[in-house]
Amino acid sequence: MPELVRLYIKNVIIGFGLAVAFVGMLLWFNVANLWHLISTSDIGYIAVALLLVFNTVVFAGVQFAIVIMRMAEDETPGGGKRDAIPTVDAAQMVAVPVPVEKSARVQTRR
């Protein structure tokens, strides 16, 4: 199996674990009265399954993105010194009028 596929499957498993923990906490703390809604409904198991599936997609995607981005190599090994940006006083700034021909204006419809 290619290494990238193995990495993706590993992150999906981690994402599933995070989703189980997250949905478990949602139900345990009864956020938005979710536990009551699921436990009193005859098809509450579908809601739990959908919460698990969609949160697994989110958490696995985020986990995989973090791992892939952390694989990047540093492009600037030594950094460097930044030159100071000269400051300009407001008194030194002058507005410069720019002439515009009448034909160059954009016509709007009314």
Protein backbone atom coordinates (compact mmCIF):
# COMPACT_ATOMS: atom_id res chain seq x y z
CA MET A 1 0.00 0.00 0.00
CA PRO A 2 1.40 3.44 -0.87
CA GLU A 3 2.64 5.51 2.04
CA LEU A 4 0.24 8.39 1.33
CA VAL A 5 -2.79 6.07 1.38
CA ARG A 6 -1.58 4.54 4.65
CA LEU A 7 -1.19 8.04 6.08
CA TYR A 8 -4.71 8.98 4.96
CA ILE A 9 -6.28 5.85 6.48
CA LYS A 10 -4.42 6.50 9.73
CA ASN A 11 -5.78 10.05 9.83
CA VAL A 12 -9.32 8.87 9.07
CA ILE A 13 -9.07 6.52 12.06
CA ILE A 14 -7.82 9.39 14.23
CA GLY A 15 -10.63 11.58 12.89
CA PHE A 16 -13.17 8.88 13.72
CA GLY A 17 -11.83 8.68 17.27
CA LEU A 18 -12.10 12.44 17.63
CA ALA A 19 -15.63 12.35 16.20
CA VAL A 20 -16.68 9.64 18.66
CA ALA A 21 -15.29 11.71 21.54
CA PHE A 22 -16.95 14.89 20.24
CA VAL A 23 -20.37 13.31 19.67
CA GLY A 24 -20.10 11.55 23.01
CA MET A 25 -19.46 14.88 24.73
CA LEU A 26 -22.34 16.48 22.81
CA LEU A 27 -24.69 13.79 24.08
CA TRP A 28 -23.21 13.61 27.61
CA PHE A 29 -23.50 17.35 28.21
CA ASN A 30 -26.90 17.40 26.45
CA VAL A 31 -25.96 20.34 24.23
CA ALA A 32 -29.10 21.88 22.71
CA ASN A 33 -31.13 19.11 24.40
CA LEU A 34 -29.66 16.67 21.87
CA TRP A 35 -29.64 13.63 24.17
CA HIS A 36 -33.32 14.03 24.92
CA LEU A 37 -34.19 14.40 21.23
CA ILE A 38 -32.20 11.30 20.25
CA SER A 39 -33.25 9.11 23.17
CA THR A 40 -36.98 9.83 22.78
CA SER A 41 -37.07 9.38 18.99
CA ASP A 42 -37.56 5.98 17.41
CA ILE A 43 -34.97 6.82 14.71
CA GLY A 44 -32.48 8.58 16.97
CA TYR A 45 -29.76 6.11 15.99
CA ILE A 46 -29.78 7.62 12.48
CA ALA A 47 -29.06 11.06 13.94
CA VAL A 48 -26.15 9.63 15.95
CA ALA A 49 -24.82 7.82 12.89
CA LEU A 50 -25.01 10.98 10.78
CA LEU A 51 -23.33 13.03 13.50
CA LEU A 52 -20.52 10.46 13.62
CA VAL A 53 -20.12 10.28 9.82
CA PHE A 54 -20.10 14.02 9.20
CA ASN A 55 -17.88 14.83 12.16
CA THR A 56 -15.51 12.06 11.05
CA VAL A 57 -15.25 13.72 7.63
CA VAL A 58 -14.51 17.09 9.23
CA PHE A 59 -12.04 15.88 11.84
CA ALA A 60 -10.26 13.50 9.46
CA GLY A 61 -9.90 16.26 6.86
CA VAL A 62 -8.47 18.68 9.39
CA GLN A 63 -6.15 16.04 10.83
CA PHE A 64 -4.89 15.08 7.36
CA ALA A 65 -4.38 18.73 6.39
CA ILE A 66 -2.36 19.39 9.54
CA VAL A 67 -0.14 16.37 8.93
CA ILE A 68 0.44 17.26 5.26
CA MET A 69 1.24 20.90 6.06
CA ARG A 70 3.68 19.90 8.77
CA MET A 71 5.60 17.84 6.19
CA ALA A 72 6.68 20.98 4.33
CA GLU A 73 10.32 21.93 4.50
CA ASP A 74 11.43 25.36 5.57
CA GLU A 75 12.23 27.35 2.42
CA THR A 76 14.28 30.06 4.13
CA PRO A 77 16.96 28.35 6.21
CA GLY A 78 18.62 31.43 7.65
CA GLY A 79 15.86 33.96 7.65
CA GLY A 80 17.43 37.32 7.08
CA LYS A 81 17.42 40.85 8.29
CA ARG A 82 14.59 43.12 7.36
CA ASP A 83 15.34 46.68 6.39
CA ALA A 84 13.53 49.30 8.36
CA ILE A 85 10.62 50.91 6.54
CA PRO A 86 11.08 54.68 6.50
CA THR A 87 8.24 56.53 8.15
CA VAL A 88 6.54 59.46 6.44
CA ASP A 89 4.93 62.32 8.31
CA ALA A 90 1.37 63.25 7.40
CA ALA A 91 2.61 66.79 6.68
CA GLN A 92 4.88 65.46 3.91
CA MET A 93 2.04 63.73 2.05
CA VAL A 94 0.46 65.81 -0.69
CA ALA A 95 -2.67 65.02 -2.68
CA VAL A 96 -1.97 65.00 -6.41
CA PRO A 97 -4.94 65.68 -8.72
CA VAL A 98 -5.20 63.31 -11.66
CA PRO A 99 -7.05 64.66 -14.72
CA VAL A 100 -9.58 62.28 -16.28
CA GLU A 101 -11.06 62.81 -19.73
CA LYS A 102 -14.80 62.71 -20.03
CA SER A 103 -14.77 59.86 -22.58
CA ALA A 104 -12.84 57.64 -20.20
CA ARG A 105 -15.63 57.59 -17.61
CA VAL A 106 -17.79 54.53 -17.28
CA GLN A 107 -21.41 55.09 -18.27
CA THR A 108 -24.01 53.58 -15.96
CA ARG A 109 -27.50 52.52 -16.95
CA ARG A 110 -30.49 53.89 -15.14
